[in-house]
PDB file of N, CA and C in Angstrom:
ATOM      1  N   GLU A   1       0.847  -1.188   0.000  1.00  0.00           N
ATOM      2  CA  GLU A   1       0.000   0.000   0.000  1.00  0.00           C
ATOM      3  C   GLU A   1       0.881   1.235   0.000  1.00  0.00           C
ATOM      4  N   ARG A   2       0.563   2.179  -0.861  1.00  0.00           N
ATOM      5  CA  ARG A   2       1.351   3.388  -0.961  1.00  0.00           C
ATOM      6  C   ARG A   2       0.886   4.397   0.075  1.00  0.00           C
ATOM      7  N   LYS A   3       1.841   5.051   0.670  1.00  0.00           N
ATOM      8  CA  LYS A   3       1.537   6.087   1.650  1.00  0.00           C
ATOM      9  C   LYS A   3       1.125   7.360   0.912  1.00  0.00           C
ATOM     10  N   ALA A   4       0.080   8.010   1.407  1.00  0.00           N
ATOM     11  CA  ALA A   4      -0.361   9.271   0.801  1.00  0.00           C
ATOM     12  C   ALA A   4       0.749  10.311   0.953  1.00  0.00           C
ATOM     13  N   ARG A   5       0.892  11.118  -0.061  1.00  0.00           N
ATOM     14  CA  ARG A   5       1.941  12.134  -0.043  1.00  0.00           C
ATOM     15  C   ARG A   5       1.419  13.448   0.497  1.00  0.00           C
ATOM     16  N   GLU A   6       2.241  14.068   1.297  1.00  0.00           N
ATOM     17  CA  GLU A   6       1.909  15.394   1.781  1.00  0.00           C
ATOM     18  C   GLU A   6       2.171  16.404   0.682  1.00  0.00           C
ATOM     19  N   SER A   7       1.391  17.479   0.699  1.00  0.00           N
ATOM     20  CA  SER A   7       1.581  18.547  -0.282  1.00  0.00           C
ATOM     21  C   SER A   7       1.387  19.887   0.410  1.00  0.00           C
ATOM     22  N   ARG A   8       1.801  20.917  -0.268  1.00  0.00           N
ATOM     23  CA  ARG A   8       1.580  22.274   0.241  1.00  0.00           C
ATOM     24  C   ARG A   8       0.145  22.684  -0.063  1.00  0.00           C
ATOM     25  N   LEU A   9      -0.265  23.796   0.506  1.00  0.00           N
ATOM     26  CA  LEU A   9      -1.627  24.294   0.339  1.00  0.00           C
ATOM     27  C   LEU A   9      -1.981  24.364  -1.145  1.00  0.00           C
ATOM     28  N   PRO A  10      -3.038  23.682  -1.553  1.00  0.00           N
ATOM     29  CA  PRO A  10      -3.439  23.722  -2.961  1.00  0.00           C
ATOM     30  C   PRO A  10      -3.858  25.134  -3.382  1.00  0.00           C
ATOM     31  N   VAL A  11      -3.529  25.493  -4.588  1.00  0.00           N
ATOM     32  CA  VAL A  11      -3.950  26.786  -5.135  1.00  0.00           C
ATOM     33  C   VAL A  11      -5.478  26.815  -5.143  1.00  0.00           C
ATOM     34  N   GLY A  12      -6.039  27.900  -4.658  1.00  0.00           N
ATOM     35  CA  GLY A  12      -7.491  28.032  -4.647  1.00  0.00           C
ATOM     36  C   GLY A  12      -8.184  27.241  -3.558  1.00  0.00           C
ATOM     37  N   PHE A  13      -7.430  26.796  -2.541  1.00  0.00           N
ATOM     38  CA  PHE A  13      -8.050  26.039  -1.451  1.00  0.00           C
ATOM     39  C   PHE A  13      -9.194  26.852  -0.864  1.00  0.00           C
ATOM     40  N   ALA A  14     -10.342  26.202  -0.691  1.00  0.00           N
ATOM     41  CA  ALA A  14     -11.543  26.877  -0.204  1.00  0.00           C
ATOM     42  C   ALA A  14     -12.297  25.935   0.733  1.00  0.00           C
ATOM     43  N   VAL A  15     -13.338  26.460   1.331  1.00  0.00           N
ATOM     44  CA  VAL A  15     -14.183  25.654   2.208  1.00  0.00           C
ATOM     45  C   VAL A  15     -14.969  24.675   1.337  1.00  0.00           C
ATOM     46  N   SER A  16     -14.697  23.410   1.485  1.00  0.00           N
ATOM     47  CA  SER A  16     -15.346  22.379   0.670  1.00  0.00           C
ATOM     48  C   SER A  16     -16.726  22.041   1.224  1.00  0.00           C
ATOM     49  N   ASP A  17     -17.512  21.336   0.434  1.00  0.00           N
ATOM     50  CA  ASP A  17     -18.815  20.864   0.892  1.00  0.00           C
ATOM     51  C   ASP A  17     -18.648  19.938   2.094  1.00  0.00           C
ATOM     52  N   ARG A  18     -17.585  19.149   2.077  1.00  0.00           N
ATOM     53  CA  ARG A  18     -17.306  18.239   3.202  1.00  0.00           C
ATOM     54  C   ARG A  18     -17.120  19.024   4.495  1.00  0.00           C
ATOM     55  N   VAL A  19     -16.327  20.097   4.436  1.00  0.00           N
ATOM     56  CA  VAL A  19     -16.071  20.914   5.617  1.00  0.00           C
ATOM     57  C   VAL A  19     -17.344  21.657   6.032  1.00  0.00           C
ATOM     58  N   LYS A  20     -18.081  22.175   5.074  1.00  0.00           N
ATOM     59  CA  LYS A  20     -19.337  22.875   5.400  1.00  0.00           C
ATOM     60  C   LYS A  20     -20.302  21.953   6.128  1.00  0.00           C
ATOM     61  N   ALA A  21     -20.461  20.741   5.650  1.00  0.00           N
ATOM     62  CA  ALA A  21     -21.370  19.782   6.278  1.00  0.00           C
ATOM     63  C   ALA A  21     -20.894  19.439   7.689  1.00  0.00           C
ATOM     64  N   TRP A  22     -19.608  19.184   7.848  1.00  0.00           N
ATOM     65  CA  TRP A  22     -19.039  18.872   9.152  1.00  0.00           C
ATOM     66  C   TRP A  22     -19.239  20.044  10.119  1.00  0.00           C
ATOM     67  N   ALA A  23     -18.941  21.265   9.663  1.00  0.00           N
ATOM     68  CA  ALA A  23     -19.061  22.445  10.520  1.00  0.00           C
ATOM     69  C   ALA A  23     -20.506  22.671  10.946  1.00  0.00           C
ATOM     70  N   SER A  24     -21.430  22.475  10.037  1.00  0.00           N
ATOM     71  CA  SER A  24     -22.847  22.633  10.355  1.00  0.00           C
ATOM     72  C   SER A  24     -23.271  21.616  11.415  1.00  0.00           C
ATOM     73  N   GLU A  25     -22.835  20.397  11.242  1.00  0.00           N
ATOM     74  CA  GLU A  25     -23.176  19.326  12.189  1.00  0.00           C
ATOM     75  C   GLU A  25     -22.593  19.584  13.573  1.00  0.00           C
ATOM     76  N   LYS A  26     -21.395  20.160  13.613  1.00  0.00           N
ATOM     77  CA  LYS A  26     -20.699  20.383  14.881  1.00  0.00           C
ATOM     78  C   LYS A  26     -20.951  21.761  15.483  1.00  0.00           C
ATOM     79  N   GLY A  27     -21.668  22.627  14.760  1.00  0.00           N
ATOM     80  CA  GLY A  27     -21.984  23.953  15.288  1.00  0.00           C
ATOM     81  C   GLY A  27     -20.887  24.988  15.118  1.00  0.00           C
ATOM     82  N   HIS A  28     -19.991  24.785  14.172  1.00  0.00           N
ATOM     83  CA  HIS A  28     -18.924  25.757  13.925  1.00  0.00           C
ATOM     84  C   HIS A  28     -19.399  26.766  12.884  1.00  0.00           C
ATOM     85  N   ASP A  29     -18.994  28.022  13.058  1.00  0.00           N
ATOM     86  CA  ASP A  29     -19.348  29.064  12.097  1.00  0.00           C
ATOM     87  C   ASP A  29     -18.100  29.896  11.785  1.00  0.00           C
ATOM     88  N   LYS A  30     -18.303  31.012  11.118  1.00  0.00           N
ATOM     89  CA  LYS A  30     -17.201  31.907  10.734  1.00  0.00           C
ATOM     90  C   LYS A  30     -16.135  31.185   9.906  1.00  0.00           C
ATOM     91  N   LEU A  31     -16.592  30.315   9.012  1.00  0.00           N
ATOM     92  CA  LEU A  31     -15.655  29.517   8.221  1.00  0.00           C
ATOM     93  C   LEU A  31     -14.725  30.373   7.387  1.00  0.00           C
ATOM     94  N   ASP A  32     -15.218  31.515   6.882  1.00  0.00           N
ATOM     95  CA  ASP A  32     -14.360  32.385   6.073  1.00  0.00           C
ATOM     96  C   ASP A  32     -13.205  32.945   6.900  1.00  0.00           C
ATOM     97  N   LYS A  33     -13.459  33.285   8.144  1.00  0.00           N
ATOM     98  CA  LYS A  33     -12.391  33.806   9.006  1.00  0.00           C
ATOM     99  C   LYS A  33     -11.413  32.692   9.395  1.00  0.00           C
ATOM    100  N   HIS A  34     -11.953  31.519   9.673  1.00  0.00           N
ATOM    101  CA  HIS A  34     -11.077  30.376   9.962  1.00  0.00           C
ATOM    102  C   HIS A  34     -10.189  30.072   8.748  1.00  0.00           C
ATOM    103  N   LEU A  35     -10.779  30.109   7.563  1.00  0.00           N
ATOM    104  CA  LEU A  35     -10.014  29.820   6.345  1.00  0.00           C
ATOM    105  C   LEU A  35      -8.906  30.846   6.136  1.00  0.00           C
ATOM    106  N   GLU A  36      -9.221  32.109   6.322  1.00  0.00           N
ATOM    107  CA  GLU A  36      -8.212  33.158   6.145  1.00  0.00           C
ATOM    108  C   GLU A  36      -7.016  32.913   7.069  1.00  0.00           C
ATOM    109  N   HIS A  37      -7.275  32.596   8.316  1.00  0.00           N
ATOM    110  CA  HIS A  37      -6.198  32.339   9.266  1.00  0.00           C
ATOM    111  C   HIS A  37      -5.429  31.069   8.907  1.00  0.00           C
ATOM    112  N   PHE A  38      -6.166  30.002   8.618  1.00  0.00           N
ATOM    113  CA  PHE A  38      -5.544  28.719   8.297  1.00  0.00           C
ATOM    114  C   PHE A  38      -4.648  28.825   7.061  1.00  0.00           C
ATOM    115  N   ALA A  39      -5.151  29.457   6.006  1.00  0.00           N
ATOM    116  CA  ALA A  39      -4.363  29.586   4.771  1.00  0.00           C
ATOM    117  C   ALA A  39      -3.115  30.436   5.015  1.00  0.00           C
ATOM    118  N   GLY A  40      -3.269  31.508   5.789  1.00  0.00           N
ATOM    119  CA  GLY A  40      -2.110  32.347   6.111  1.00  0.00           C
ATOM    120  C   GLY A  40      -1.059  31.578   6.884  1.00  0.00           C
ATOM    121  N   TYR A  41      -1.503  30.795   7.850  1.00  0.00           N
ATOM    122  CA  TYR A  41      -0.585  29.959   8.627  1.00  0.00           C
ATOM    123  C   TYR A  41       0.122  28.959   7.715  1.00  0.00           C
ATOM    124  N   ALA A  42      -0.651  28.269   6.883  1.00  0.00           N
ATOM    125  CA  ALA A  42      -0.079  27.231   6.015  1.00  0.00           C
ATOM    126  C   ALA A  42       0.962  27.809   5.066  1.00  0.00           C
ATOM    127  N   LYS A  43       0.674  28.976   4.517  1.00  0.00           N
ATOM    128  CA  LYS A  43       1.624  29.614   3.589  1.00  0.00           C
ATOM    129  C   LYS A  43       2.871  30.078   4.326  1.00  0.00           C
ATOM    130  N   ALA A  44       2.689  30.727   5.468  1.00  0.00           N
ATOM    131  CA  ALA A  44       3.824  31.278   6.210  1.00  0.00           C
ATOM    132  C   ALA A  44       4.759  30.186   6.726  1.00  0.00           C
ATOM    133  N   LYS A  45       4.198  29.074   7.153  1.00  0.00           N
ATOM    134  CA  LYS A  45       4.991  27.981   7.722  1.00  0.00           C
ATOM    135  C   LYS A  45       5.422  26.944   6.699  1.00  0.00           C
ATOM    136  N   GLY A  46       4.888  27.039   5.476  1.00  0.00           N
ATOM    137  CA  GLY A  46       5.202  26.013   4.485  1.00  0.00           C
ATOM    138  C   GLY A  46       4.642  24.658   4.896  1.00  0.00           C
ATOM    139  N   ALA A  47       3.488  24.684   5.562  1.00  0.00           N
ATOM    140  CA  ALA A  47       2.880  23.457   6.072  1.00  0.00           C
ATOM    141  C   ALA A  47       2.553  22.489   4.941  1.00  0.00           C
ATOM    142  N   THR A  48       2.672  21.218   5.231  1.00  0.00           N
ATOM    143  CA  THR A  48       2.288  20.171   4.290  1.00  0.00           C
ATOM    144  C   THR A  48       1.379  19.182   5.005  1.00  0.00           C
ATOM    145  N   TYR A  49       0.347  18.742   4.291  1.00  0.00           N
ATOM    146  CA  TYR A  49      -0.605  17.769   4.832  1.00  0.00           C
ATOM    147  C   TYR A  49      -0.985  16.789   3.732  1.00  0.00           C
ATOM    148  N   THR A  50      -1.482  15.638   4.156  1.00  0.00           N
ATOM    149  CA  THR A  50      -1.997  14.675   3.184  1.00  0.00           C
ATOM    150  C   THR A  50      -3.472  14.910   2.923  1.00  0.00           C
ATOM    151  N   ASP A  51      -4.190  15.487   3.886  1.00  0.00           N
ATOM    152  CA  ASP A  51      -5.626  15.744   3.747  1.00  0.00           C
ATOM    153  C   ASP A  51      -5.888  17.163   4.239  1.00  0.00           C
ATOM    154  N   TRP A  52      -6.004  18.086   3.296  1.00  0.00           N
ATOM    155  CA  TRP A  52      -6.160  19.494   3.645  1.00  0.00           C
ATOM    156  C   TRP A  52      -7.487  19.794   4.310  1.00  0.00           C
ATOM    157  N   ASP A  53      -8.553  19.130   3.906  1.00  0.00           N
ATOM    158  CA  ASP A  53      -9.839  19.337   4.581  1.00  0.00           C
ATOM    159  C   ASP A  53      -9.738  18.930   6.046  1.00  0.00           C
ATOM    160  N   GLU A  54      -9.135  17.788   6.301  1.00  0.00           N
ATOM    161  CA  GLU A  54      -9.002  17.315   7.686  1.00  0.00           C
ATOM    162  C   GLU A  54      -8.130  18.266   8.500  1.00  0.00           C
ATOM    163  N   ALA A  55      -7.056  18.753   7.916  1.00  0.00           N
ATOM    164  CA  ALA A  55      -6.196  19.716   8.610  1.00  0.00           C
ATOM    165  C   ALA A  55      -6.972  20.988   8.920  1.00  0.00           C
ATOM    166  N   PHE A  56      -7.783  21.448   7.969  1.00  0.00           N
ATOM    167  CA  PHE A  56      -8.601  22.646   8.178  1.00  0.00           C
ATOM    168  C   PHE A  56      -9.632  22.402   9.284  1.00  0.00           C
ATOM    169  N   MET A  57     -10.255  21.237   9.296  1.00  0.00           N
ATOM    170  CA  MET A  57     -11.224  20.920  10.353  1.00  0.00           C
ATOM    171  C   MET A  57     -10.532  20.900  11.724  1.00  0.00           C
ATOM    172  N   ASN A  58      -9.312  20.398  11.793  1.00  0.00           N
ATOM    173  CA  ASN A  58      -8.563  20.426  13.051  1.00  0.00           C
ATOM    174  C   ASN A  58      -8.311  21.864  13.493  1.00  0.00           C
ATOM    175  N   ALA A  59      -7.977  22.727  12.549  1.00  0.00           N
ATOM    176  CA  ALA A  59      -7.735  24.136  12.870  1.00  0.00           C
ATOM    177  C   ALA A  59      -9.008  24.800  13.393  1.00  0.00           C
ATOM    178  N   ILE A  60     -10.144  24.471  12.796  1.00  0.00           N
ATOM    179  CA  ILE A  60     -11.417  25.018  13.271  1.00  0.00           C
ATOM    180  C   ILE A  60     -11.727  24.464  14.654  1.00  0.00           C
ATOM    181  N   ARG A  61     -11.625  23.158  14.793  1.00  0.00           N
ATOM    182  CA  ARG A  61     -11.927  22.473  16.061  1.00  0.00           C
ATOM    183  C   ARG A  61     -11.095  23.045  17.207  1.00  0.00           C
ATOM    184  N   ASN A  62      -9.835  23.317  16.939  1.00  0.00           N
ATOM    185  CA  ASN A  62      -8.925  23.819  17.966  1.00  0.00           C
ATOM    186  C   ASN A  62      -8.834  25.342  17.992  1.00  0.00           C
ATOM    187  N   ASN A  63      -9.659  25.989  17.161  1.00  0.00           N
ATOM    188  CA  ASN A  63      -9.767  27.455  17.109  1.00  0.00           C
ATOM    189  C   ASN A  63      -8.412  28.153  16.978  1.00  0.00           C
ATOM    190  N   TRP A  64      -7.642  27.721  15.981  1.00  0.00           N
ATOM    191  CA  TRP A  64      -6.342  28.345  15.736  1.00  0.00           C
ATOM    192  C   TRP A  64      -6.462  29.844  15.529  1.00  0.00           C
ATOM    193  N   ALA A  65      -7.586  30.286  14.961  1.00  0.00           N
ATOM    194  CA  ALA A  65      -7.781  31.701  14.675  1.00  0.00           C
ATOM    195  C   ALA A  65      -8.129  32.496  15.930  1.00  0.00           C
ATOM    196  N   LYS A  66      -8.366  31.798  17.040  1.00  0.00           N
ATOM    197  CA  LYS A  66      -8.712  32.432  18.317  1.00  0.00           C
ATOM    198  C   LYS A  66      -9.935  33.342  18.185  1.00  0.00           C
ATOM    199  N   LEU A  67     -10.941  32.850  17.475  1.00  0.00           N
ATOM    200  CA  LEU A  67     -12.182  33.601  17.311  1.00  0.00           C
ATOM    201  C   LEU A  67     -13.044  33.425  18.558  1.00  0.00           C
ATOM    202  N   PRO A  68     -13.841  34.450  18.899  1.00  0.00           N
ATOM    203  CA  PRO A  68     -14.740  34.289  20.047  1.00  0.00           C
ATOM    204  C   PRO A  68     -15.687  33.125  19.795  1.00  0.00           C
ATOM    205  N   LEU A  69     -15.897  32.317  20.805  1.00  0.00           N
ATOM    206  CA  LEU A  69     -16.785  31.171  20.672  1.00  0.00           C
ATOM    207  C   LEU A  69     -18.228  31.623  20.823  1.00  0.00           C
ATOM    208  N   ALA A  70     -19.101  31.043  20.005  1.00  0.00           N
ATOM    209  CA  ALA A  70     -20.522  31.355  20.089  1.00  0.00           C
ATOM    210  C   ALA A  70     -21.076  30.778  21.381  1.00  0.00           C
ATOM    211  N   PRO A  71     -21.966  31.529  22.028  1.00  0.00           N
ATOM    212  CA  PRO A  71     -22.559  30.980  23.252  1.00  0.00           C
ATOM    213  C   PRO A  71     -23.396  29.745  22.934  1.00  0.00           C
ATOM    214  N   THR A  72     -23.351  28.781  23.813  1.00  0.00           N
ATOM    215  CA  THR A  72     -24.156  27.577  23.616  1.00  0.00           C
ATOM    216  C   THR A  72     -25.533  27.801  24.217  1.00  0.00           C
ATOM    217  N   THR A  73     -26.490  27.068  23.726  1.00  0.00           N
ATOM    218  CA  THR A  73     -27.865  27.188  24.218  1.00  0.00           C
ATOM    219  C   THR A  73     -27.914  26.925  25.716  1.00  0.00           C
ATOM    220  N   SER A  74     -27.214  25.891  26.188  1.00  0.00           N
ATOM    221  CA  SER A  74     -27.260  25.540  27.596  1.00  0.00           C
ATOM    222  C   SER A  74     -26.621  26.628  28.467  1.00  0.00           C
ATOM    223  N   ALA A  75     -25.600  27.290  27.958  1.00  0.00           N
ATOM    224  CA  ALA A  75     -24.937  28.346  28.731  1.00  0.00           C
ATOM    225  C   ALA A  75     -25.866  29.543  28.900  1.00  0.00           C
ATOM    226  N   TRP A  76     -26.689  29.789  27.929  1.00  0.00           N
ATOM    227  CA  TRP A  76     -27.595  30.943  27.968  1.00  0.00           C
ATOM    228  C   TRP A  76     -28.946  30.595  28.576  1.00  0.00           C
ATOM    229  N   ALA A  77     -29.218  29.330  28.807  1.00  0.00           N
ATOM    230  CA  ALA A  77     -30.536  28.911  29.295  1.00  0.00           C
ATOM    231  C   ALA A  77     -30.882  29.530  30.642  1.00  0.00           C
ATOM    232  N   GLY A  78     -29.888  29.690  31.505  1.00  0.00           N
ATOM    233  CA  GLY A  78     -30.153  30.226  32.827  1.00  0.00           C
ATOM    234  C   GLY A  78     -30.154  31.747  32.873  1.00  0.00           C
ATOM    235  N   ALA A  79     -29.626  32.389  31.871  1.00  0.00           N
ATOM    236  CA  ALA A  79     -29.557  33.860  31.848  1.00  0.00           C
ATOM    237  C   ALA A  79     -30.896  34.438  31.426  1.00  0.00           C
ATOM    238  N   LYS A  80     -31.417  35.336  32.212  1.00  0.00           N
ATOM    239  CA  LYS A  80     -32.704  35.970  31.888  1.00  0.00           C
ATOM    240  C   LYS A  80     -32.605  37.444  32.063  1.00  0.00           C
TER     241      LYS A  80
END
């Protein structure tokens, strides 16, 4: 079995349907801001990955862009 090859950020990398569906399911938003930060990081560091969508989802999940987190329904339930 051949090992997948890592590559640099693909030209025109954008938020894919796969990432949009995952983000919607997990409650993540501000994908354009996450993408801007992620692409800047990848270019500046010369990052290489075998699966760019998965790497982008990790960046969103771990909030590399340090964006304010949206309040959750349960956190706001007690506030009146």
